[in-house]
């Protein structure tokens, strides 16, 4: 006998997404919408779920759901139904069934922990479709998009966080013979019980963050709400959320003088983005709301230049605007501040292809100026590093070459550019005079003055020294790097990250892996004399007890809970919070 539901599905597939299609009355509109999405995503319908990944069960969702699942598994033991819990990505993170034959049947169709049951992966199914529709759904038999699931019936409901975000879904499923409308009511009840546990386990600061998110977020513009430990994002804001952006924004927003303005507007270097931020003091601790907006393409500051445009700067008049090139570009700043990187980033904004030839001026060693001049005449870009080391002979050669470059560009021959890095304070009087005449195209500053650059620089260094992406940096470790004052500037940061990649075997570099001086780096916000003394006493107690917090608390004469709180407040918390 022909299955009318399956026939309706095949009819829709033949008609295609743009063709005329009259839905069969036997098929709910919700199912037809899901079928259309499945067709649009080119979902393979002939086999079971194929996408698989290891899942983490030690999450907020898992911890809230386990007691609820334990209780309902016992109550449903004789019904032949199975409980499924999925994360927000659609992967099954928990499955509860008391029947061994049913367990084998589900294993055969890959309805097991780790397999992806999002709509994108396997099409119409209760777990995935309930999260897309943001409502409880019941999917039976041929309503499933995949033929492998046609013998099943499943009811599911999405699970919401206190902030109103879908964090996963819960489902009751079994053979189609066991289908019962009450399954939908039970799924809704179980999801509400898990949501209640999520609310009761939330900290006051998390609830305050959630309230701000619901108040300020919009489905239309990218928005995030963040504090030191957590970050919430609406769907348009998700592309802007990662460990580096969290740490960078937190540092940037805390450094702003909010007493002078209640709103901060700032362009993010290396992007076509502008942020609008406000400080929220409601709740147990301060947090921030950040909106993102696209900039005009003509103001694009170019890819990769480390750091942010200075607050209030006019990007159209600055060095970061893409240009066809220039005869001589001077990158001026202290040694170790990333001058060479800034030079190459500036060159990238010109659309230059291929590598620039680089030469280092060293005191007491000859510089091949004839080769430099020859390359420039061939139309090649050349980078001269550390011009502050130039002696009298070097100065004469460089002056001759720079004069020639300017004359050549003045006549219209604009092939080949000369990029120069220099620290004027360390240069001879002649070099300083020449550099002053040329004018600095880019000025680099010490990392201590621009800590918001550090997360992006760490990402770049990791990409260079760890091309296989074997390592990532935990938020706590990255925050410690931001707090350090980096007397050796970018060079010291590069050495530190490179050494960590070589010495840490774990895939995640955590704060405990950092050198001791970085683990104990004080917060950038100045501490009072009392807090400084308290911080030093805690560090000494932790050293004396080999990091044992219980023993350190006893040595300090305070409770362990009090010590944990002070560790967080003083920037000594070694907890590896995740985003």
Protein backbone atom coordinates (compact mmCIF):
# COMPACT_ATOMS: atom_id res chain seq x y z
CA UNK A 1 0.00 0.00 0.00
CA UNK A 2 1.33 3.45 -0.91
CA UNK A 3 2.47 5.61 1.97
CA UNK A 4 0.78 9.02 1.39
CA UNK A 5 3.26 10.86 3.58
CA UNK A 6 6.25 9.41 1.74
CA UNK A 7 4.53 10.12 -1.57
CA UNK A 8 4.05 13.77 -0.54
CA UNK A 9 7.72 14.02 0.32
CA UNK A 10 8.80 12.56 -3.03
CA UNK A 11 6.44 14.96 -4.80
CA UNK A 12 8.08 17.90 -3.05
CA UNK A 13 11.56 16.66 -4.00
CA UNK A 14 10.50 16.37 -7.67
CA UNK A 15 8.94 19.85 -7.63
CA UNK A 16 12.04 21.36 -6.06
CA UNK A 17 12.22 24.42 -3.85
CA UNK A 18 10.98 26.79 -6.57
CA UNK A 19 8.41 24.53 -8.19
CA UNK A 20 4.68 24.48 -7.53
CA UNK A 21 3.73 22.17 -4.68
CA UNK A 22 0.38 21.60 -3.01
CA UNK A 23 0.89 20.14 0.46
CA UNK A 24 -1.07 17.03 1.31
CA UNK A 25 -3.53 17.55 4.15
CA UNK A 26 -2.04 14.52 5.86
CA UNK A 27 1.29 16.32 6.29
CA UNK A 28 1.54 19.12 8.91
CA UNK A 29 2.94 22.47 7.72
CA UNK A 30 5.75 22.14 10.24
CA UNK A 31 6.92 18.92 8.56
CA UNK A 32 6.73 20.45 5.08
CA UNK A 33 8.85 23.41 6.22
CA UNK A 34 11.43 21.02 7.63
CA UNK A 35 11.43 18.96 4.40
CA UNK A 36 12.10 22.14 2.43
CA UNK A 37 15.04 23.00 4.67
CA UNK A 38 16.36 19.45 4.30
CA UNK A 39 16.20 19.69 0.51
CA UNK A 40 17.87 23.11 0.60
CA UNK A 41 20.72 21.66 2.71
CA UNK A 42 21.15 18.74 0.27
CA UNK A 43 20.70 16.23 3.08
CA UNK A 44 21.40 12.61 2.13
CA UNK A 45 18.17 10.67 2.80
CA UNK A 46 19.21 7.11 2.02
CA UNK A 47 21.32 6.23 5.08
CA UNK A 48 21.62 6.74 8.84
CA UNK A 49 23.42 9.63 10.52
CA UNK A 50 27.07 9.82 9.46
CA UNK A 51 28.48 12.85 11.22
CA UNK A 52 30.10 11.91 14.52
CA UNK A 53 32.21 13.70 17.11
CA UNK A 54 33.27 13.08 20.67
CA UNK A 55 30.90 14.96 22.96
CA UNK A 56 31.54 16.57 26.32
CA UNK A 57 29.04 15.48 28.97
CA UNK A 58 30.52 17.68 31.71
CA UNK A 59 28.68 20.84 30.66
CA UNK A 60 26.06 23.09 32.21
CA UNK A 61 23.40 21.34 30.15
CA UNK A 62 24.66 17.87 31.03
CA UNK A 63 24.95 18.62 34.73
CA UNK A 64 21.42 20.05 34.82
CA UNK A 65 19.91 17.23 32.76
CA UNK A 66 21.47 14.11 34.32
CA UNK A 67 19.35 14.02 37.53
CA UNK A 68 16.20 14.65 35.48
CA UNK A 69 17.10 11.90 33.01
CA UNK A 70 17.90 9.50 35.84
CA UNK A 71 14.46 10.03 37.32
CA UNK A 72 12.55 9.73 34.04
CA UNK A 73 14.52 6.71 32.87
CA UNK A 74 13.27 4.88 35.96
CA UNK A 75 9.69 6.00 35.42
CA UNK A 76 9.69 5.03 31.72
CA UNK A 77 11.51 1.72 32.18
CA UNK A 78 8.59 -0.47 31.03
CA UNK A 79 7.25 1.72 28.22
CA UNK A 80 9.75 0.80 25.49
CA UNK A 81 10.68 4.46 24.94
CA UNK A 82 14.15 5.97 24.90
CA UNK A 83 15.30 9.34 26.20
CA UNK A 84 17.66 11.41 24.04
CA UNK A 85 19.48 14.61 25.00
CA UNK A 86 21.16 16.71 22.31
CA UNK A 87 23.38 19.75 22.55
CA UNK A 88 22.73 22.97 20.66
CA UNK A 89 24.61 21.61 17.64
CA UNK A 90 22.28 18.61 17.41
CA UNK A 91 24.75 15.96 18.61
CA UNK A 92 23.31 13.32 20.94
CA UNK A 93 25.11 13.74 24.28
CA UNK A 94 23.05 11.26 26.33
CA UNK A 95 20.77 8.31 25.57
CA UNK A 96 18.73 6.37 28.12
CA UNK A 97 16.99 3.07 27.36
CA UNK A 98 16.37 0.05 29.57
CA UNK A 99 15.78 -2.41 26.73
CA UNK A 100 18.85 -4.14 25.30
CA UNK A 101 17.16 -5.05 22.00
CA UNK A 102 16.03 -1.45 21.54
CA UNK A 103 19.57 -0.32 22.28
CA UNK A 104 20.89 -2.55 19.50
CA UNK A 105 18.23 -1.32 17.08
CA UNK A 106 19.14 2.30 17.80
CA UNK A 107 22.86 1.57 17.45
CA UNK A 108 22.24 0.11 13.99
CA UNK A 109 20.62 3.36 12.85
CA UNK A 110 23.31 5.48 14.57
CA UNK A 111 20.85 6.97 17.05
CA UNK A 112 23.58 6.98 19.68
CA UNK A 113 25.82 9.28 21.65
CA UNK A 114 28.07 11.43 19.47
CA UNK A 115 26.04 11.25 16.25
CA UNK A 116 24.75 14.49 14.75
CA UNK A 117 20.95 14.74 14.59
CA UNK A 118 20.74 18.38 13.52
CA UNK A 119 18.48 19.13 10.56
CA UNK A 120 21.53 20.11 8.55
CA UNK A 121 22.99 16.63 9.05
CA UNK A 122 20.07 14.21 8.77
CA UNK A 123 17.02 16.27 7.85
CA UNK A 124 13.63 16.25 9.53
CA UNK A 125 13.78 14.64 12.97
CA UNK A 126 12.41 15.61 16.36
CA UNK A 127 15.71 16.48 18.09
CA UNK A 128 16.96 18.80 15.35
CA UNK A 129 13.65 20.16 14.09
CA UNK A 130 12.45 21.19 17.55
CA UNK A 131 15.49 23.47 17.91
CA UNK A 132 15.00 25.03 14.47
CA UNK A 133 11.28 25.57 15.04
CA UNK A 134 11.89 26.55 18.69
CA UNK A 135 8.85 24.56 19.80
CA UNK A 136 7.94 20.98 20.75
CA UNK A 137 7.47 18.71 17.72
CA UNK A 138 6.33 15.14 17.08
CA UNK A 139 7.82 13.36 14.05
CA UNK A 140 6.45 9.94 13.09
CA UNK A 141 7.42 7.35 10.53
CA UNK A 142 7.68 8.70 6.99
CA UNK A 143 7.60 12.28 8.22
CA UNK A 144 11.33 11.77 8.88
CA UNK A 145 13.41 12.93 5.94
CA UNK A 146 15.83 10.00 6.26
CA UNK A 147 14.55 6.56 5.18
CA UNK A 148 16.62 5.06 8.02
CA UNK A 149 14.36 6.74 10.59
CA UNK A 150 11.04 5.82 8.99
CA UNK A 151 10.35 3.07 11.55
CA UNK A 152 10.60 5.53 14.46
CA UNK A 153 8.36 7.95 16.29
CA UNK A 154 9.91 10.72 18.33
CA UNK A 155 8.66 13.73 20.30
CA UNK A 156 11.10 16.48 21.31
CA UNK A 157 11.15 19.89 22.94
CA UNK A 158 13.90 22.53 22.90
CA UNK A 159 15.69 23.43 26.15
CA UNK A 160 16.16 27.14 26.90
CA UNK A 161 18.74 28.87 29.09
CA UNK A 162 17.66 31.63 31.50
CA UNK A 163 18.76 34.06 28.77
CA UNK A 164 16.21 32.59 26.38
CA UNK A 165 18.75 30.79 24.19
CA UNK A 166 18.19 27.26 22.89
CA UNK A 167 20.94 25.16 24.44
CA UNK A 168 19.76 21.71 23.33
CA UNK A 169 16.74 19.47 23.06
CA UNK A 170 15.19 16.49 24.86
CA UNK A 171 13.30 13.73 23.08
CA UNK A 172 11.32 10.56 23.76
CA UNK A 173 11.51 8.04 20.95
CA UNK A 174 10.77 4.48 20.06
CA UNK A 175 9.38 2.17 17.34
CA UNK A 176 6.48 3.69 15.42
CA UNK A 177 4.16 1.12 17.02
CA UNK A 178 4.83 2.82 20.37
CA UNK A 179 3.81 6.29 19.13
CA UNK A 180 1.55 8.06 21.57
CA UNK A 181 0.49 11.74 21.68
CA UNK A 182 1.36 11.84 25.38
CA UNK A 183 5.05 11.62 24.38
CA UNK A 184 4.88 15.27 23.31
CA UNK A 185 3.54 16.37 26.69
CA UNK A 186 6.21 14.36 28.49
CA UNK A 187 8.98 15.86 26.35
CA UNK A 188 7.71 19.35 27.16
CA UNK A 189 7.57 18.50 30.89
CA UNK A 190 11.10 17.06 30.93
CA UNK A 191 12.51 20.09 29.09
CA UNK A 192 10.87 22.41 31.65
CA UNK A 193 12.40 20.44 34.53
CA UNK A 194 15.86 20.73 32.96
CA UNK A 195 15.32 24.46 32.39
CA UNK A 196 14.37 24.88 36.04
CA UNK A 197 17.62 23.22 37.11
CA UNK A 198 19.53 25.54 34.76
CA UNK A 199 17.87 28.54 36.42
CA UNK A 200 18.46 27.32 39.97
CA UNK A 201 22.13 26.55 39.28
CA UNK A 202 22.82 29.91 37.64
CA UNK A 203 24.95 32.37 39.60
CA UNK A 204 23.59 35.87 40.29
CA UNK A 205 26.10 37.38 37.86
CA UNK A 206 24.97 34.94 35.13
CA UNK A 207 21.34 35.92 35.66
CA UNK A 208 22.28 39.61 35.50
CA UNK A 209 24.10 38.92 32.24
CA UNK A 210 21.04 37.08 30.91
CA UNK A 211 18.73 39.97 31.85
CA UNK A 212 20.94 42.45 30.00
CA UNK A 213 21.06 40.14 27.02
CA UNK A 214 17.27 39.91 26.82
CA UNK A 215 16.99 43.68 27.25
CA UNK A 216 19.56 44.85 24.72
CA UNK A 217 19.97 42.05 22.16
CA UNK A 218 18.27 42.28 18.80
CA UNK A 219 17.67 39.59 16.23
CA UNK A 220 18.75 42.04 13.53
CA UNK A 221 22.11 43.42 14.65
CA UNK A 222 25.09 41.47 16.05
CA UNK A 223 25.09 41.81 19.83
CA UNK A 224 27.08 40.29 22.67
CA UNK A 225 26.94 40.74 26.45
CA UNK A 226 30.08 39.91 28.40
CA UNK A 227 31.75 39.98 31.77
CA UNK A 228 35.16 38.68 32.85
CA UNK A 229 34.12 35.00 32.71
CA UNK A 230 31.15 34.72 30.36
CA UNK A 231 29.84 35.92 27.04
CA UNK A 232 26.36 35.70 25.47
CA UNK A 233 25.71 36.32 21.77
CA UNK A 234 22.65 36.43 19.57
CA UNK A 235 22.81 34.55 16.26
CA UNK A 236 24.22 37.49 14.20
CA UNK A 237 26.80 38.04 16.94
CA UNK A 238 28.16 34.48 16.94
CA UNK A 239 30.86 35.12 14.25
CA UNK A 240 32.44 37.69 16.58
CA UNK A 241 32.71 35.33 19.58
CA UNK A 242 35.94 33.49 20.41
CA UNK A 243 38.47 33.41 23.21
CA UNK A 244 40.66 36.14 21.67
CA UNK A 245 37.78 38.55 21.01
CA UNK A 246 36.42 38.04 24.53
CA UNK A 247 39.73 38.84 26.21
CA UNK A 248 40.49 41.73 23.86
CA UNK A 249 37.07 43.36 24.31
CA UNK A 250 37.14 42.90 28.08
CA UNK A 251 40.52 44.63 28.29
CA UNK A 252 39.47 47.40 25.92
CA UNK A 253 36.16 48.11 27.70
CA UNK A 254 37.72 48.12 31.17
CA UNK A 255 40.38 50.58 30.06
CA UNK A 256 37.81 53.11 28.85
CA UNK A 257 36.98 56.08 31.08
CA UNK A 258 33.25 55.54 31.54
CA UNK A 259 32.90 58.57 33.80
CA UNK A 260 33.36 60.81 30.76
CA UNK A 261 30.93 58.96 28.50
CA UNK A 262 28.22 56.36 28.94
CA UNK A 263 28.74 55.00 25.42
CA UNK A 264 31.92 53.94 23.63
CA UNK A 265 32.16 53.89 19.84
CA UNK A 266 35.32 52.49 18.34
CA UNK A 267 36.51 51.04 15.08
CA UNK A 268 38.24 47.66 15.27
CA UNK A 269 41.47 47.59 13.35
CA UNK A 270 41.90 44.89 10.72
CA UNK A 271 38.15 44.61 10.23
CA UNK A 272 35.28 46.50 8.65
CA UNK A 273 33.61 46.75 12.05
CA UNK A 274 32.68 49.42 14.52
CA UNK A 275 31.54 48.60 18.06
CA UNK A 276 29.09 50.54 20.17
CA UNK A 277 29.38 49.55 23.82
CA UNK A 278 27.71 50.50 27.09
CA UNK A 279 28.58 49.66 30.68
CA UNK A 280 25.93 47.96 32.83
CA UNK A 281 26.37 48.22 36.59
CA UNK A 282 23.11 46.46 37.53
CA UNK A 283 23.66 43.17 39.33
CA UNK A 284 26.51 41.79 41.42
CA UNK A 285 29.26 42.99 39.08
CA UNK A 286 29.86 45.18 36.05
CA UNK A 287 29.33 43.83 32.56
CA UNK A 288 29.11 45.28 29.06
CA UNK A 289 26.74 45.24 26.08
CA UNK A 290 28.44 45.45 22.68
CA UNK A 291 26.81 45.96 19.27
CA UNK A 292 28.73 45.45 16.01
CA UNK A 293 28.18 47.38 12.77
CA UNK A 294 29.77 47.19 9.32
CA UNK A 295 31.90 50.12 8.17
CA UNK A 296 31.97 51.58 4.69
CA UNK A 297 34.39 49.67 2.46
CA UNK A 298 36.37 52.86 1.80
CA UNK A 299 37.26 53.00 5.49
CA UNK A 300 38.48 49.43 5.63
CA UNK A 301 41.70 49.57 7.67
CA UNK A 302 43.24 46.60 5.92
CA UNK A 303 43.92 43.05 7.09
CA UNK A 304 46.10 42.09 9.94
CA UNK A 305 47.71 45.24 11.34
CA UNK A 306 47.98 44.42 15.03
CA UNK A 307 46.00 46.52 17.45
CA UNK A 308 43.08 48.92 17.25
CA UNK A 309 42.68 52.35 15.74
CA UNK A 310 43.16 54.93 18.45
CA UNK A 311 39.94 56.18 19.96
CA UNK A 312 38.65 59.21 18.07
CA UNK A 313 41.10 58.75 15.16
CA UNK A 314 40.00 59.59 11.65
CA UNK A 315 40.68 56.40 9.68
CA UNK A 316 40.59 58.27 6.40
CA UNK A 317 43.65 60.29 7.40
CA UNK A 318 45.58 57.48 9.05
CA UNK A 319 48.09 54.98 7.70
CA UNK A 320 45.66 52.08 7.81
CA UNK A 321 43.61 52.97 4.73
CA UNK A 322 44.32 50.74 1.76
CA UNK A 323 46.42 52.56 -0.85
CA UNK A 324 48.19 51.59 -4.07
CA UNK A 325 51.56 51.90 -2.33
CA UNK A 326 54.18 54.57 -1.73
CA UNK A 327 57.82 55.16 -2.50
CA UNK A 328 59.03 54.93 1.10
CA UNK A 329 57.01 53.76 4.10
CA UNK A 330 58.56 54.41 7.51
CA UNK A 331 57.45 52.29 10.48
CA UNK A 332 58.74 54.04 13.57
CA UNK A 333 58.71 52.72 17.12
CA UNK A 334 60.73 51.02 19.86
CA UNK A 335 62.51 47.78 19.09
CA UNK A 336 60.38 44.69 19.63
CA UNK A 337 57.02 46.42 19.12
CA UNK A 338 56.16 44.50 15.95
CA UNK A 339 57.55 47.01 13.47
CA UNK A 340 58.36 44.44 10.76
CA UNK A 341 54.93 42.85 11.12
CA UNK A 342 53.27 46.26 10.83
CA UNK A 343 55.35 46.97 7.71
CA UNK A 344 54.27 43.74 6.02
CA UNK A 345 50.67 44.30 7.08
CA UNK A 346 50.75 47.77 5.56
CA UNK A 347 52.18 46.30 2.36
CA UNK A 348 49.33 43.78 2.30
CA UNK A 349 46.82 46.66 2.24
CA UNK A 350 48.39 47.75 -1.04
CA UNK A 351 47.43 44.42 -2.58
CA UNK A 352 51.10 43.45 -3.03
CA UNK A 353 51.74 39.81 -3.92
CA UNK A 354 54.80 37.71 -3.23
CA UNK A 355 57.32 38.18 -0.44
CA UNK A 356 59.26 41.38 0.14
CA UNK A 357 63.03 41.07 0.27
CA UNK A 358 64.21 41.88 3.80
CA UNK A 359 67.58 43.18 5.01
CA UNK A 360 68.71 43.92 8.59
CA UNK A 361 71.04 46.80 9.36
CA UNK A 362 73.52 45.61 12.02
CA UNK A 363 76.15 47.75 13.71
CA UNK A 364 79.64 46.78 12.51
CA UNK A 365 78.37 44.56 9.66
CA UNK A 366 78.06 45.65 6.01
CA UNK A 367 74.60 46.03 4.48
CA UNK A 368 74.30 45.03 0.76
CA UNK A 369 72.97 48.41 -0.39
CA UNK A 370 73.85 47.71 -4.04
CA UNK A 371 71.57 44.66 -3.91
CA UNK A 372 68.83 46.72 -2.27
CA UNK A 373 69.07 49.35 -5.02
CA UNK A 374 69.04 46.68 -7.76
CA UNK A 375 65.92 45.02 -6.37
CA UNK A 376 64.08 48.33 -6.14
CA UNK A 377 64.99 49.18 -9.74
CA UNK A 378 63.54 45.80 -10.75
CA UNK A 379 60.24 46.83 -9.18
CA UNK A 380 60.61 44.65 -6.07
CA UNK A 381 59.44 45.69 -2.60
CA UNK A 382 62.27 45.80 -0.05
CA UNK A 383 62.10 45.90 3.76
CA UNK A 384 65.01 47.50 5.62
CA UNK A 385 64.91 46.62 9.33
CA UNK A 386 66.55 48.43 12.27
CA UNK A 387 67.78 51.52 10.46
CA UNK A 388 68.65 52.95 13.90
CA UNK A 389 71.82 50.79 13.69
CA UNK A 390 73.01 52.62 10.56
CA UNK A 391 76.56 53.98 10.63
CA UNK A 392 77.85 56.84 8.49
CA UNK A 393 78.38 54.64 5.40
CA UNK A 394 74.94 53.09 5.78
CA UNK A 395 73.39 56.53 6.18
CA UNK A 396 75.00 57.78 2.98
CA UNK A 397 73.86 54.74 1.00
CA UNK A 398 70.34 54.90 2.36
CA UNK A 399 70.10 58.63 1.59
CA UNK A 400 71.17 57.98 -2.02
CA UNK A 401 68.62 55.17 -2.42
CA UNK A 402 65.76 57.13 -0.82
CA UNK A 403 66.45 60.15 -3.04
CA UNK A 404 66.44 57.90 -6.09
CA UNK A 405 63.17 56.26 -5.05
CA UNK A 406 61.43 59.61 -4.63
CA UNK A 407 62.67 60.89 -8.00
CA UNK A 408 61.55 57.70 -9.75
CA UNK A 409 58.05 57.86 -8.20
CA UNK A 410 57.80 61.56 -9.07
CA UNK A 411 58.26 60.69 -12.77
CA UNK A 412 55.44 58.14 -12.62
CA UNK A 413 57.52 54.95 -12.25
CA UNK A 414 55.79 53.55 -9.17
CA UNK A 415 56.95 49.96 -9.18
CA UNK A 416 58.70 48.77 -6.04
CA UNK A 417 58.42 50.28 -2.56
CA UNK A 418 60.95 50.71 0.23
CA UNK A 419 59.70 49.87 3.73
CA UNK A 420 61.86 50.92 6.67
CA UNK A 421 61.67 50.14 10.39
CA UNK A 422 63.44 52.47 12.76
CA UNK A 423 63.53 53.68 16.36
CA UNK A 424 64.28 57.39 16.13
CA UNK A 425 65.31 57.62 19.79
CA UNK A 426 68.16 55.15 19.17
CA UNK A 427 69.22 56.54 15.78
CA UNK A 428 72.01 58.98 14.91
CA UNK A 429 71.22 62.64 14.36
CA UNK A 430 71.50 62.21 10.59
CA UNK A 431 69.08 59.30 10.49
CA UNK A 432 66.64 61.18 12.75
CA UNK A 433 66.73 64.21 10.44
CA UNK A 434 66.12 62.04 7.38
CA UNK A 435 63.27 60.13 9.04
CA UNK A 436 61.68 63.37 10.21
CA UNK A 437 61.79 64.61 6.62
CA UNK A 438 60.20 61.44 5.28
CA UNK A 439 57.59 61.31 8.05
CA UNK A 440 56.41 58.16 9.81
CA UNK A 441 53.73 56.21 7.95
CA UNK A 442 53.01 53.95 10.92
CA UNK A 443 53.99 54.33 14.56
CA UNK A 444 54.16 51.25 16.74
CA UNK A 445 53.87 51.44 20.52
CA UNK A 446 54.88 49.09 23.36
CA UNK A 447 52.46 46.30 24.23
CA UNK A 448 52.14 47.73 27.72
CA UNK A 449 50.27 50.68 26.18
CA UNK A 450 48.03 48.60 23.90
CA UNK A 451 47.21 45.32 25.71
CA UNK A 452 44.11 44.86 23.54
CA UNK A 453 46.50 43.89 20.71
CA UNK A 454 47.76 40.82 22.56
CA UNK A 455 44.92 38.31 21.84
CA UNK A 456 45.14 38.92 18.10
CA UNK A 457 48.94 38.71 18.17
CA UNK A 458 48.81 35.42 20.09
CA UNK A 459 46.47 34.00 17.45
CA UNK A 460 48.86 35.07 14.70
CA UNK A 461 51.91 33.61 16.45
CA UNK A 462 50.08 30.31 17.05
CA UNK A 463 49.18 30.15 13.36
CA UNK A 464 52.82 30.65 12.41
CA UNK A 465 54.57 28.33 14.90
CA UNK A 466 51.80 25.73 15.10
CA UNK A 467 50.44 25.42 11.53
CA UNK A 468 48.82 22.09 12.38
CA UNK A 469 46.65 23.83 15.02
CA UNK A 470 47.67 21.30 17.68
CA UNK A 471 47.40 23.90 20.43
CA UNK A 472 44.83 26.44 21.57
CA UNK A 473 45.06 28.96 24.40
CA UNK A 474 42.58 28.80 27.28
CA UNK A 475 40.79 32.03 28.25
CA UNK A 476 42.53 32.09 31.65
CA UNK A 477 45.97 31.72 30.06
CA UNK A 478 45.23 34.40 27.49
CA UNK A 479 44.04 36.75 30.23
CA UNK A 480 47.36 36.25 32.05
CA UNK A 481 49.24 37.17 28.87
CA UNK A 482 47.16 40.36 28.59
CA UNK A 483 47.92 41.30 32.22
CA UNK A 484 51.72 41.08 31.83
CA UNK A 485 53.49 44.35 30.92
CA UNK A 486 55.85 42.75 28.31
CA UNK A 487 59.06 44.76 28.74
CA UNK A 488 60.44 42.89 25.72
CA UNK A 489 57.36 43.84 23.68
CA UNK A 490 56.22 41.73 20.71
CA UNK A 491 59.53 39.87 20.52
CA UNK A 492 59.13 38.64 24.12
CA UNK A 493 55.52 37.62 23.43
CA UNK A 494 56.56 35.67 20.31
CA UNK A 495 59.32 33.84 22.23
CA UNK A 496 56.94 33.00 25.08
CA UNK A 497 54.20 31.58 22.85
CA UNK A 498 56.73 29.67 20.73
CA UNK A 499 58.30 28.09 23.83
CA UNK A 500 54.83 27.10 25.13
CA UNK A 501 53.97 25.37 21.85
CA UNK A 502 57.23 23.43 22.01
CA UNK A 503 57.06 22.50 25.70
CA UNK A 504 53.34 21.84 26.38
CA UNK A 505 52.11 18.41 25.32
CA UNK A 506 48.43 19.11 26.05
CA UNK A 507 46.25 20.47 23.26
CA UNK A 508 45.04 23.36 25.43
CA UNK A 509 47.67 25.68 26.90
CA UNK A 510 46.34 26.55 30.35
CA UNK A 511 47.44 29.12 32.90
CA UNK A 512 49.29 26.44 34.89
CA UNK A 513 51.55 25.88 31.86
CA UNK A 514 52.69 29.52 31.78
CA UNK A 515 55.95 30.69 33.36
CA UNK A 516 55.44 31.63 36.99
CA UNK A 517 55.79 35.39 36.42
CA UNK A 518 52.92 35.24 33.93
CA UNK A 519 50.68 33.15 36.19
CA UNK A 520 51.09 35.80 38.88
CA UNK A 521 50.86 38.87 36.62
CA UNK A 522 48.91 41.57 38.49
CA UNK A 523 45.75 43.07 36.97
CA UNK A 524 46.40 46.11 34.82
CA UNK A 525 44.02 48.17 36.94
CA UNK A 526 46.17 49.63 39.77
CA UNK A 527 45.77 48.01 43.17
CA UNK A 528 45.75 49.88 46.47
CA UNK A 529 48.67 49.36 48.84
CA UNK A 530 46.44 47.16 51.00
CA UNK A 531 45.39 44.95 48.08
CA UNK A 532 48.95 44.77 46.80
CA UNK A 533 50.14 43.54 50.20
CA UNK A 534 47.27 41.03 50.33
CA UNK A 535 48.10 39.78 46.85
CA UNK A 536 51.77 39.31 47.73
CA UNK A 537 50.82 37.42 50.93
CA UNK A 538 48.56 35.05 48.99
CA UNK A 539 51.28 34.38 46.41
CA UNK A 540 53.76 33.56 49.20
CA UNK A 541 51.21 31.24 50.89
CA UNK A 542 50.53 29.41 47.62
CA UNK A 543 54.26 29.03 47.01
CA UNK A 544 54.78 27.69 50.53
CA UNK A 545 52.00 25.09 50.07
CA UNK A 546 52.90 24.11 46.49
CA UNK A 547 49.62 25.55 45.25
CA UNK A 548 47.36 23.72 47.73
CA UNK A 549 44.56 26.25 48.29
CA UNK A 550 43.17 24.58 51.41
CA UNK A 551 46.54 24.68 53.13
CA UNK A 552 47.20 28.21 51.85
CA UNK A 553 43.86 29.40 53.28
CA UNK A 554 44.74 27.88 56.66
CA UNK A 555 48.18 29.51 56.56
CA UNK A 556 46.56 32.88 55.80
CA UNK A 557 43.93 32.49 58.50
CA UNK A 558 40.97 32.73 56.13
CA UNK A 559 38.29 30.33 54.90
CA UNK A 560 38.83 28.44 51.66
CA UNK A 561 35.78 30.10 50.06
CA UNK A 562 37.13 33.51 51.01
CA UNK A 563 40.48 32.63 49.46
CA UNK A 564 38.83 31.56 46.20
CA UNK A 565 36.96 34.87 46.05
CA UNK A 566 40.11 36.90 46.72
CA UNK A 567 42.01 34.92 44.08
CA UNK A 568 39.41 35.96 41.51
CA UNK A 569 39.35 39.57 42.62
CA UNK A 570 43.14 39.89 42.60
CA UNK A 571 43.70 38.20 39.26
CA UNK A 572 45.25 35.05 40.71
CA UNK A 573 42.48 32.60 39.89
CA UNK A 574 43.94 29.68 37.93
CA UNK A 575 40.57 28.29 36.94
CA UNK A 576 40.34 27.46 33.26
CA UNK A 577 36.90 28.83 32.46
CA UNK A 578 35.65 28.13 28.96
CA UNK A 579 33.51 30.13 26.60
